[in-house]
PDB file of N, CA and C in Angstrom:
ATOM      1  N   UNK A   1      13.585 -28.250  -4.417  1.00  0.00           N
ATOM      2  CA  UNK A   1      13.868 -26.866  -4.824  1.00  0.00           C
ATOM      3  C   UNK A   1      13.292 -25.884  -3.802  1.00  0.00           C
ATOM      4  N   UNK A   2      12.017 -26.071  -3.483  1.00  0.00           N
ATOM      5  CA  UNK A   2      11.361 -25.137  -2.563  1.00  0.00           C
ATOM      6  C   UNK A   2      11.997 -25.208  -1.175  1.00  0.00           C
ATOM      7  N   UNK A   3      12.304 -26.428  -0.727  1.00  0.00           N
ATOM      8  CA  UNK A   3      12.891 -26.589   0.608  1.00  0.00           C
ATOM      9  C   UNK A   3      14.244 -25.883   0.686  1.00  0.00           C
ATOM     10  N   UNK A   4      15.013 -25.950  -0.395  1.00  0.00           N
ATOM     11  CA  UNK A   4      16.325 -25.284  -0.407  1.00  0.00           C
ATOM     12  C   UNK A   4      16.134 -23.779  -0.301  1.00  0.00           C
ATOM     13  N   UNK A   5      15.148 -23.250  -1.023  1.00  0.00           N
ATOM     14  CA  UNK A   5      14.879 -21.812  -0.964  1.00  0.00           C
ATOM     15  C   UNK A   5      14.464 -21.402   0.442  1.00  0.00           C
ATOM     16  N   UNK A   6      13.590 -22.204   1.065  1.00  0.00           N
ATOM     17  CA  UNK A   6      13.132 -21.897   2.415  1.00  0.00           C
ATOM     18  C   UNK A   6      14.294 -21.896   3.389  1.00  0.00           C
ATOM     19  N   UNK A   7      15.188 -22.894   3.265  1.00  0.00           N
ATOM     20  CA  UNK A   7      16.348 -22.961   4.155  1.00  0.00           C
ATOM     21  C   UNK A   7      17.238 -21.732   3.960  1.00  0.00           C
ATOM     22  N   UNK A   8      17.417 -21.345   2.698  1.00  0.00           N
ATOM     23  CA  UNK A   8      18.259 -20.183   2.410  1.00  0.00           C
ATOM     24  C   UNK A   8      17.651 -18.918   3.002  1.00  0.00           C
ATOM     25  N   UNK A   9      16.323 -18.764   2.814  1.00  0.00           N
ATOM     26  CA  UNK A   9      15.640 -17.581   3.353  1.00  0.00           C
ATOM     27  C   UNK A   9      15.728 -17.576   4.875  1.00  0.00           C
ATOM     28  N   UNK A  10      15.535 -18.759   5.473  1.00  0.00           N
ATOM     29  CA  UNK A  10      15.589 -18.853   6.937  1.00  0.00           C
ATOM     30  C   UNK A  10      16.968 -18.437   7.438  1.00  0.00           C
ATOM     31  N   UNK A  11      18.016 -18.876   6.712  1.00  0.00           N
ATOM     32  CA  UNK A  11      19.386 -18.536   7.121  1.00  0.00           C
ATOM     33  C   UNK A  11      19.586 -17.020   7.079  1.00  0.00           C
ATOM     34  N   UNK A  12      19.083 -16.383   5.980  1.00  0.00           N
ATOM     35  CA  UNK A  12      19.248 -14.938   5.859  1.00  0.00           C
ATOM     36  C   UNK A  12      18.460 -14.201   6.938  1.00  0.00           C
ATOM     37  N   UNK A  13      17.278 -14.714   7.253  1.00  0.00           N
ATOM     38  CA  UNK A  13      16.460 -14.077   8.297  1.00  0.00           C
ATOM     39  C   UNK A  13      17.171 -14.168   9.649  1.00  0.00           C
ATOM     40  N   UNK A  14      17.748 -15.344   9.930  1.00  0.00           N
ATOM     41  CA  UNK A  14      18.467 -15.517  11.195  1.00  0.00           C
ATOM     42  C   UNK A  14      19.674 -14.594  11.252  1.00  0.00           C
ATOM     43  N   UNK A  15      20.411 -14.499  10.142  1.00  0.00           N
ATOM     44  CA  UNK A  15      21.577 -13.623  10.101  1.00  0.00           C
ATOM     45  C   UNK A  15      21.159 -12.170  10.299  1.00  0.00           C
ATOM     46  N   UNK A  16      20.084 -11.767   9.631  1.00  0.00           N
ATOM     47  CA  UNK A  16      19.606 -10.393   9.756  1.00  0.00           C
ATOM     48  C   UNK A  16      19.175 -10.069  11.178  1.00  0.00           C
ATOM     49  N   UNK A  17      18.475 -11.016  11.808  1.00  0.00           N
ATOM     50  CA  UNK A  17      18.016 -10.796  13.184  1.00  0.00           C
ATOM     51  C   UNK A  17      19.211 -10.712  14.129  1.00  0.00           C
ATOM     52  N   UNK A  18      20.232 -11.533  13.892  1.00  0.00           N
ATOM     53  CA  UNK A  18      21.433 -11.486  14.733  1.00  0.00           C
ATOM     54  C   UNK A  18      22.134 -10.144  14.576  1.00  0.00           C
ATOM     55  N   UNK A  19      22.259  -9.675  13.337  1.00  0.00           N
ATOM     56  CA  UNK A  19      22.920  -8.391  13.092  1.00  0.00           C
ATOM     57  C   UNK A  19      22.141  -7.260  13.768  1.00  0.00           C
ATOM     58  N   UNK A  20      20.816  -7.293  13.624  1.00  0.00           N
ATOM     59  CA  UNK A  20      19.991  -6.246  14.236  1.00  0.00           C
ATOM     60  C   UNK A  20      20.106  -6.308  15.750  1.00  0.00           C
ATOM     61  N   UNK A  21      20.126  -7.533  16.302  1.00  0.00           N
ATOM     62  CA  UNK A  21      20.219  -7.691  17.753  1.00  0.00           C
ATOM     63  C   UNK A  21      21.541  -7.126  18.271  1.00  0.00           C
ATOM     64  N   UNK A  22      22.633  -7.420  17.553  1.00  0.00           N
ATOM     65  CA  UNK A  22      23.947  -6.951  17.994  1.00  0.00           C
ATOM     66  C   UNK A  22      24.068  -5.437  17.813  1.00  0.00           C
ATOM     67  N   UNK A  23      23.409  -4.889  16.788  1.00  0.00           N
ATOM     68  CA  UNK A  23      23.496  -3.448  16.541  1.00  0.00           C
ATOM     69  C   UNK A  23      22.589  -2.680  17.490  1.00  0.00           C
ATOM     70  N   UNK A  24      21.682  -3.387  18.175  1.00  0.00           N
ATOM     71  CA  UNK A  24      20.842  -2.735  19.181  1.00  0.00           C
ATOM     72  C   UNK A  24      19.498  -2.276  18.656  1.00  0.00           C
ATOM     73  N   UNK A  25      19.131  -2.710  17.428  1.00  0.00           N
ATOM     74  CA  UNK A  25      17.843  -2.284  16.879  1.00  0.00           C
ATOM     75  C   UNK A  25      16.714  -3.149  17.427  1.00  0.00           C
ATOM     76  N   UNK A  26      16.968  -4.462  17.494  1.00  0.00           N
ATOM     77  CA  UNK A  26      15.933  -5.399  17.910  1.00  0.00           C
ATOM     78  C   UNK A  26      15.478  -5.181  19.356  1.00  0.00           C
ATOM     79  N   UNK A  27      16.394  -5.044  20.326  1.00  0.00           N
ATOM     80  CA  UNK A  27      15.978  -4.832  21.721  1.00  0.00           C
ATOM     81  C   UNK A  27      15.067  -3.614  21.866  1.00  0.00           C
ATOM     82  N   UNK A  28      15.371  -2.517  21.169  1.00  0.00           N
ATOM     83  CA  UNK A  28      14.546  -1.316  21.278  1.00  0.00           C
ATOM     84  C   UNK A  28      13.151  -1.576  20.720  1.00  0.00           C
ATOM     85  N   UNK A  29      13.072  -2.340  19.620  1.00  0.00           N
ATOM     86  CA  UNK A  29      11.772  -2.679  19.039  1.00  0.00           C
ATOM     87  C   UNK A  29      10.976  -3.535  20.019  1.00  0.00           C
ATOM     88  N   UNK A  30      11.646  -4.486  20.672  1.00  0.00           N
ATOM     89  CA  UNK A  30      10.959  -5.344  21.637  1.00  0.00           C
ATOM     90  C   UNK A  30      10.467  -4.507  22.809  1.00  0.00           C
ATOM     91  N   UNK A  31      11.271  -3.554  23.250  1.00  0.00           N
ATOM     92  CA  UNK A  31      10.853  -2.698  24.361  1.00  0.00           C
ATOM     93  C   UNK A  31       9.639  -1.861  23.959  1.00  0.00           C
ATOM     94  N   UNK A  32       9.631  -1.364  22.722  1.00  0.00           N
ATOM     95  CA  UNK A  32       8.495  -0.577  22.247  1.00  0.00           C
ATOM     96  C   UNK A  32       7.232  -1.431  22.246  1.00  0.00           C
ATOM     97  N   UNK A  33       7.352  -2.677  21.734  1.00  0.00           N
ATOM     98  CA  UNK A  33       6.196  -3.570  21.700  1.00  0.00           C
ATOM     99  C   UNK A  33       5.729  -3.881  23.117  1.00  0.00           C
ATOM    100  N   UNK A  34       6.663  -4.050  24.026  1.00  0.00           N
ATOM    101  CA  UNK A  34       6.312  -4.397  25.403  1.00  0.00           C
ATOM    102  C   UNK A  34       5.633  -3.208  26.082  1.00  0.00           C
ATOM    103  N   UNK A  35       6.139  -1.998  25.824  1.00  0.00           N
ATOM    104  CA  UNK A  35       5.576  -0.812  26.454  1.00  0.00           C
ATOM    105  C   UNK A  35       4.233  -0.431  25.839  1.00  0.00           C
ATOM    106  N   UNK A  36       4.028  -0.753  24.562  1.00  0.00           N
ATOM    107  CA  UNK A  36       2.774  -0.426  23.909  1.00  0.00           C
ATOM    108  C   UNK A  36       2.832   0.966  23.323  1.00  0.00           C
TER     109      UNK A  36
END
């Protein structure tokens, strides 16, 4: 049960990160972290 939930959450996290990356939110956040 727990493993299935973890896999499901992981899938949603990956999908969310992909959407953010394609929309251009993630790169700007990475640049902010890199610049300090």
